[in-house]
Protein backbone atom coordinates (compact mmCIF):
# COMPACT_ATOMS: atom_id res chain seq x y z
CA MET A 1 -41.74 22.41 21.18
CA ARG A 2 -44.62 20.04 21.85
CA ALA A 3 -45.23 19.31 25.53
CA GLY A 4 -44.54 15.78 26.75
CA PRO A 5 -47.41 13.40 27.59
CA ARG A 6 -46.88 13.50 31.35
CA PHE A 7 -46.97 17.32 31.36
CA LEU A 8 -50.18 17.27 29.36
CA ILE A 9 -51.81 14.82 31.77
CA MET A 10 -50.83 17.01 34.74
CA LEU A 11 -52.15 20.10 32.94
CA MET A 12 -55.45 18.36 32.16
CA CYS A 13 -55.84 17.39 35.82
CA THR A 14 -55.05 20.96 36.95
CA LEU A 15 -57.67 22.36 34.60
CA GLY A 16 -60.20 19.71 35.56
CA ILE A 17 -60.12 18.00 32.17
CA THR A 18 -60.52 14.23 32.48
CA ALA A 19 -61.35 11.32 30.27
CA PRO A 20 -65.02 10.22 30.25
CA ALA A 21 -66.19 8.14 33.17
CA GLY A 22 -65.32 4.47 32.75
CA ALA A 23 -62.67 5.21 30.13
CA ARG A 24 -59.13 3.98 30.38
CA SER A 25 -56.66 6.65 31.49
CA THR A 26 -55.20 9.02 28.92
CA GLY A 27 -51.72 7.95 29.98
CA ALA A 28 -52.48 4.30 29.15
CA MET A 29 -53.69 5.26 25.68
CA LEU A 30 -50.59 7.40 25.10
CA ASP A 31 -48.33 4.52 26.16
CA GLU A 32 -50.09 1.96 23.95
CA CYS A 33 -49.99 4.25 20.92
CA ALA A 34 -46.26 4.84 21.50
CA ARG A 35 -45.65 1.09 21.76
CA ILE A 36 -47.44 0.38 18.46
CA GLY A 37 -45.51 3.22 16.81
CA LYS A 38 -42.19 1.73 17.93
CA SER A 39 -43.28 -1.67 16.64
CA PHE A 40 -44.25 -0.28 13.24
CA PHE A 41 -40.98 1.63 12.83
CA ARG A 42 -38.98 -1.31 14.24
CA ASP A 43 -37.15 0.66 16.90
CA GLY A 44 -38.11 -0.23 20.45
CA GLN A 45 -35.54 2.18 21.91
CA ALA A 46 -36.56 5.28 19.94
CA ARG A 47 -37.80 8.37 21.77
CA THR A 48 -41.44 9.30 21.18
CA ASP A 49 -43.32 12.53 21.78
CA MET A 50 -47.03 11.85 22.32
CA GLN A 51 -50.05 14.19 22.53
CA TYR A 52 -53.66 13.51 23.49
CA ASN A 53 -55.88 15.62 21.20
CA GLY A 54 -59.20 14.99 22.92
CA GLN A 55 -62.41 13.17 22.14
CA ARG A 56 -64.02 13.57 18.72
CA VAL A 57 -67.71 14.11 18.03
CA ASP A 58 -68.14 10.39 17.36
CA GLY A 59 -66.69 9.58 20.79
CA THR A 60 -63.32 8.22 19.67
CA HIS A 61 -60.12 9.49 21.28
CA ALA A 62 -57.42 11.05 19.09
CA ILE A 63 -53.70 10.71 19.78
CA ASN A 64 -50.79 11.99 17.70
CA GLY A 65 -47.15 11.03 18.09
CA ASP A 66 -43.68 11.66 16.71
CA ILE A 67 -40.90 9.07 16.79
CA PHE A 68 -37.24 10.09 16.58
CA LEU A 69 -35.36 7.49 14.56
CA GLU A 70 -31.64 7.39 13.89
CA THR A 71 -31.84 9.35 10.64
CA ARG A 72 -35.27 11.00 10.63
CA LYS A 73 -38.38 11.95 12.54
CA ALA A 74 -41.69 10.29 11.62
CA SER A 75 -45.28 10.95 12.70
CA PHE A 76 -48.13 8.56 13.46
CA ALA A 77 -51.61 8.66 15.02
CA CYS A 78 -53.94 6.38 16.96
CA SER A 79 -57.69 6.35 17.57
CA PHE A 80 -59.35 4.62 20.53
CA GLU A 81 -63.00 3.70 20.96
CA ARG A 82 -65.20 5.74 23.35
CA GLY A 83 -64.09 3.87 26.47
CA GLY A 84 -60.43 4.07 25.52
CA ARG A 85 -59.98 0.34 26.05
CA ARG A 86 -59.48 -0.65 22.40
CA MET A 87 -57.43 0.96 19.64
CA VAL A 88 -59.50 1.12 16.46
CA GLU A 89 -57.13 2.80 14.01
CA PHE A 90 -53.38 3.26 13.58
CA VAL A 91 -52.11 5.63 10.87
CA ALA A 92 -48.49 5.95 9.73
CA GLU A 93 -46.70 6.96 6.55
CA GLY A 94 -49.86 8.66 5.29
CA ARG A 95 -52.22 5.68 5.41
CA PRO A 96 -54.03 3.35 7.85
CA GLN A 97 -51.77 0.52 9.04
CA ASN A 98 -54.39 -1.44 10.93
CA ALA A 99 -52.58 -4.75 10.62
CA TYR A 100 -50.51 -3.35 13.53
CA LEU A 101 -53.51 -2.93 15.82
CA PRO A 102 -53.42 -5.11 18.95
CA GLY A 103 -54.92 -8.45 17.90
CA GLY A 104 -54.15 -7.90 14.22
CA GLY A 105 -57.00 -5.53 13.40
CA GLY A 106 -58.12 -7.51 10.38
CA ASP A 107 -58.07 -4.52 8.03
CA THR A 108 -57.51 -5.71 4.47
CA SER A 109 -55.56 -2.51 3.77
CA GLY A 110 -52.87 -3.69 6.21
CA ARG A 111 -49.64 -5.51 5.47
CA ASN A 112 -50.03 -9.12 4.28
CA LEU A 113 -47.06 -11.45 3.95
CA VAL A 114 -47.01 -12.99 0.47
CA GLN A 115 -44.61 -15.00 -1.65
CA VAL A 116 -43.32 -14.44 -5.16
CA THR A 117 -44.25 -17.42 -7.32
CA GLY A 118 -44.44 -18.39 -10.98
CA VAL A 119 -41.14 -16.75 -12.01
CA ALA A 120 -39.17 -18.88 -14.47
CA ALA A 121 -35.87 -20.42 -13.35
CA GLY A 122 -33.03 -17.96 -13.86
CA ASP A 123 -35.43 -15.05 -14.31
CA VAL A 124 -36.57 -12.31 -11.90
CA LEU A 125 -39.74 -10.34 -11.20
CA ASN A 126 -39.17 -6.65 -11.87
CA VAL A 127 -40.13 -4.23 -9.11
CA ARG A 128 -41.24 -0.88 -10.55
CA SER A 129 -41.73 2.59 -9.11
CA GLY A 130 -45.43 2.60 -10.05
CA PRO A 131 -48.28 0.29 -11.09
CA GLY A 132 -47.39 -0.56 -14.69
CA THR A 133 -44.62 -1.57 -17.08
CA ASN A 134 -44.16 2.05 -18.14
CA TYR A 135 -42.62 2.88 -14.74
CA PRO A 136 -38.86 2.55 -14.13
CA ILE A 137 -37.47 -0.66 -12.63
CA VAL A 138 -36.29 -0.08 -9.06
CA GLY A 139 -35.50 -3.66 -8.02
CA ALA A 140 -35.98 -7.35 -8.71
CA LEU A 141 -37.31 -10.39 -6.82
CA SER A 142 -36.64 -14.04 -7.42
CA ASN A 143 -39.02 -16.96 -7.08
CA GLY A 144 -39.80 -17.73 -3.43
CA SER A 145 -39.01 -14.25 -2.08
CA SER A 146 -41.30 -13.10 0.76
CA VAL A 147 -42.59 -9.51 0.82
CA TYR A 148 -45.41 -7.52 2.38
CA ARG A 149 -48.35 -6.69 0.11
CA LEU A 150 -49.72 -3.24 0.96
CA ARG A 151 -52.45 -2.47 -1.60
CA CYS A 152 -53.48 -3.37 -5.13
CA GLU A 153 -55.15 -1.60 -8.04
CA GLY A 154 -56.17 -2.39 -11.58
CA GLN A 155 -54.26 -1.05 -14.57
CA GLY A 156 -55.94 -1.96 -17.84
CA ARG A 157 -56.33 -5.73 -17.93
CA ALA A 158 -53.66 -6.30 -15.26
CA ARG A 159 -53.64 -5.91 -11.50
CA TRP A 160 -50.63 -4.39 -9.72
CA CYS A 161 -49.73 -4.42 -6.03
CA GLU A 162 -47.51 -2.18 -3.94
CA ILE A 163 -45.09 -4.29 -1.91
CA GLU A 164 -42.65 -3.66 0.92
CA MET A 165 -39.35 -5.49 1.35
CA ARG A 166 -38.56 -7.32 4.60
CA SER A 167 -35.49 -5.22 5.38
CA ASP A 168 -34.68 -2.40 7.76
CA MET A 169 -34.98 0.17 4.96
CA ARG A 170 -38.46 -1.17 4.05
CA GLU A 171 -37.98 -0.44 0.34
CA ARG A 172 -41.24 -0.26 -1.62
CA GLY A 173 -42.27 -0.78 -5.22
CA TRP A 174 -44.94 -2.28 -7.47
CA VAL A 175 -45.21 -5.74 -9.05
CA ASN A 176 -47.75 -7.60 -11.16
CA ALA A 177 -50.23 -9.27 -8.78
CA HIS A 178 -50.17 -12.45 -10.90
CA TYR A 179 -46.84 -13.35 -9.26
CA LEU A 180 -47.93 -12.94 -5.62
CA GLN A 181 -49.29 -15.86 -3.62
CA SER A 182 -51.33 -15.39 -0.45
CA GLY A 183 -49.69 -15.42 2.96
CA ALA A 184 -51.05 -18.82 3.99
CA ALA A 185 -48.87 -20.45 1.36
CA VAL A 186 -45.68 -18.54 2.19
CA GLN A 187 -42.90 -20.98 3.00
CA GLN A 188 -41.19 -20.30 6.31
CA PRO A 189 -37.66 -21.50 7.08
CA SER A 190 -37.65 -25.16 8.07
CA PRO A 191 -35.97 -26.21 11.32
CA PRO A 192 -32.41 -27.56 11.16
CA PRO A 193 -32.07 -31.35 10.78
CA ALA A 194 -32.18 -33.02 14.17
CA GLY A 195 -28.93 -33.99 15.83
CA GLN A 196 -26.69 -31.85 13.63
CA GLY A 197 -25.65 -28.24 13.40
CA GLY A 198 -23.28 -26.09 15.40
CA THR A 199 -22.24 -22.46 14.98
CA THR A 200 -18.80 -21.09 14.17
CA THR A 201 -17.64 -17.47 14.12
CA GLU A 202 -15.30 -15.68 11.72
CA ARG A 203 -14.25 -12.02 11.53
CA VAL A 204 -14.44 -10.30 8.15
CA ARG A 205 -11.37 -8.22 7.26
CA PHE A 206 -11.06 -5.98 4.23
CA GLU A 207 -7.75 -5.65 2.44
CA SER A 208 -6.16 -2.21 2.68
CA GLY A 209 -7.74 0.27 0.29
CA THR A 210 -10.85 -1.88 -0.35
CA SER A 211 -14.42 -1.66 0.92
CA GLY A 212 -15.49 -5.25 0.30
CA ALA A 213 -14.62 -8.90 0.76
CA GLU A 214 -15.75 -12.23 -0.70
CA LEU A 215 -15.50 -15.42 1.34
CA ASN A 216 -16.13 -19.07 0.49
CA GLY A 217 -17.39 -21.62 2.95
CA SER A 218 -19.10 -24.94 3.53
CA LEU A 219 -21.67 -25.90 6.15
CA LYS A 220 -22.97 -29.22 7.43
CA PRO A 221 -26.74 -29.79 7.72
CA GLY A 222 -28.24 -27.46 10.32
CA ALA A 223 -24.96 -25.62 10.88
CA SER A 224 -24.43 -21.85 10.73
CA ARG A 225 -21.50 -19.45 10.52
CA ARG A 226 -21.56 -16.00 12.07
CA TYR A 227 -19.47 -13.34 10.33
CA LEU A 228 -18.40 -10.37 12.47
CA LEU A 229 -18.30 -7.20 10.42
CA ARG A 230 -17.21 -3.91 12.02
CA ALA A 231 -19.01 -0.91 10.57
CA SER A 232 -20.26 2.53 11.61
CA LYS A 233 -23.66 4.18 11.85
CA GLY A 234 -24.66 5.79 8.57
CA GLN A 235 -22.59 3.47 6.38
CA ASP A 236 -24.21 1.45 3.60
CA LEU A 237 -24.03 -2.35 3.97
CA ARG A 238 -24.48 -4.79 1.10
CA VAL A 239 -24.63 -8.56 1.50
CA ARG A 240 -25.03 -11.16 -1.24
CA LEU A 241 -25.12 -14.89 -0.54
CA ASP A 242 -24.58 -17.35 -3.40
CA ALA A 243 -25.42 -20.86 -2.21
CA ARG A 244 -24.64 -23.94 -4.24
CA GLY A 245 -27.71 -25.74 -3.07
CA PRO A 246 -31.22 -25.14 -1.70
CA GLU A 247 -32.34 -24.11 1.76
CA PHE A 248 -29.64 -21.55 2.56
CA TYR A 249 -30.66 -18.51 4.60
CA TYR A 250 -28.97 -15.55 6.24
CA GLN A 251 -29.87 -13.01 8.89
CA ILE A 252 -28.21 -9.85 10.16
CA PHE A 253 -27.92 -8.57 13.74
CA ASN A 254 -27.10 -5.08 14.99
CA PRO A 255 -24.23 -4.63 17.49
CA ASP A 256 -26.77 -4.54 20.35
CA GLY A 257 -28.13 -7.97 19.33
CA SER A 258 -31.37 -6.73 17.77
CA PHE A 259 -32.43 -7.81 14.28
CA LEU A 260 -31.31 -5.67 11.37
CA LEU A 261 -32.71 -8.24 8.94
CA ASP A 262 -34.82 -11.30 9.68
CA GLN A 263 -34.07 -14.57 7.90
CA MET A 264 -33.92 -14.22 4.12
CA ARG A 265 -33.37 -16.79 1.41
CA SER A 266 -29.97 -16.82 -0.25
CA ASP A 267 -31.41 -15.68 -3.59
CA GLN A 268 -32.25 -12.21 -2.26
CA ALA A 269 -29.45 -9.68 -1.69
CA TYR A 270 -29.51 -7.08 1.07
CA ARG A 271 -28.66 -3.39 0.95
CA GLY A 272 -29.37 -0.88 3.70
CA GLN A 273 -28.03 1.94 5.81
CA LEU A 274 -26.69 1.03 9.25
CA TRP A 275 -27.98 2.79 12.35
CA GLN A 276 -25.52 1.50 14.95
CA SER A 277 -21.72 1.38 15.20
CA GLY A 278 -19.79 -1.73 16.15
CA ASP A 279 -19.67 -5.42 15.23
CA HIS A 280 -22.59 -6.41 13.03
CA VAL A 281 -23.26 -10.14 12.68
CA VAL A 282 -24.20 -11.78 9.38
CA GLU A 283 -25.22 -15.37 10.09
CA VAL A 284 -25.36 -17.88 7.22
CA ILE A 285 -27.53 -20.96 7.88
CA ASN A 286 -27.71 -24.31 6.06
CA ARG A 287 -31.21 -25.71 6.55
CA SER A 288 -30.86 -28.49 4.00
CA GLY A 289 -30.23 -32.14 4.77
CA ARG A 290 -26.71 -32.28 3.32
CA THR A 291 -23.42 -30.44 3.42
CA GLN A 292 -23.44 -27.45 1.06
CA SER A 293 -20.87 -24.91 -0.12
CA TYR A 294 -21.54 -21.19 -0.55
CA ARG A 295 -19.94 -17.81 -1.29
CA VAL A 296 -20.82 -14.62 0.59
CA ASN A 297 -19.94 -11.09 -0.52
CA PHE A 298 -19.76 -8.11 1.85
CA ARG A 299 -19.42 -4.44 0.98
CA VAL A 300 -19.45 -1.43 3.32
CA ARG A 301 -19.33 2.17 2.12
């Protein structure tokens, strides 16, 4: 078993091994690397096991870490400049993820928020398992969907990009780059109309012998409805919102109040494995300027 970071620091002190003069303490670097790892894997409460691996020939400090998530263990690594005051590289899932560096990093290989655009009404953009139409379809995106663009490459006369969904399962796939618009143009949810709104709560109950339910509702401008859905860790949750008007969003909260899914447009369904037990909250929000009706479908397996 790998020794914990505090034990390693004590051992280094006992043996007379210290960080270079003027450098930030090893413990501070271990803590910052752990914090970035928790941010990347979206689990601020997860246990981490960190190890300082010393100073490289080029002067940078190397740190490795493991994070213990609900269903798996993942590894990541950080590099700090010679003085240990600035993180210069963060690696996870087999590649640099420098968009997660403190201050944004600015690495073009990092995650960039983009929007799907140019898809015809009633049609979808196919998400494929690889960069090209010869790869199997693994999903679909509608016009206006927001995703993270990871990297792009040319395939013949076309350019394809690997994307990551904005969900807890972080599903990935490839789409034609022609349909992705840069992050600056991504539309964010508009605020509710002033002077209106209100939130109501309703518990979702499944009929005996079933694993799903479909509910109809109507919301005034700026209003929201929170659906309480009891489910257990490890179960699969599916949510589909069909809104009869524009500007409908939904978001999902874990039983402890943390985000399971940030706000998504109604035209994008959700599917993911739960990692907590208890009452999950699916909140439907009407951000339009008029009363709108909708239908929401829940399924837990």
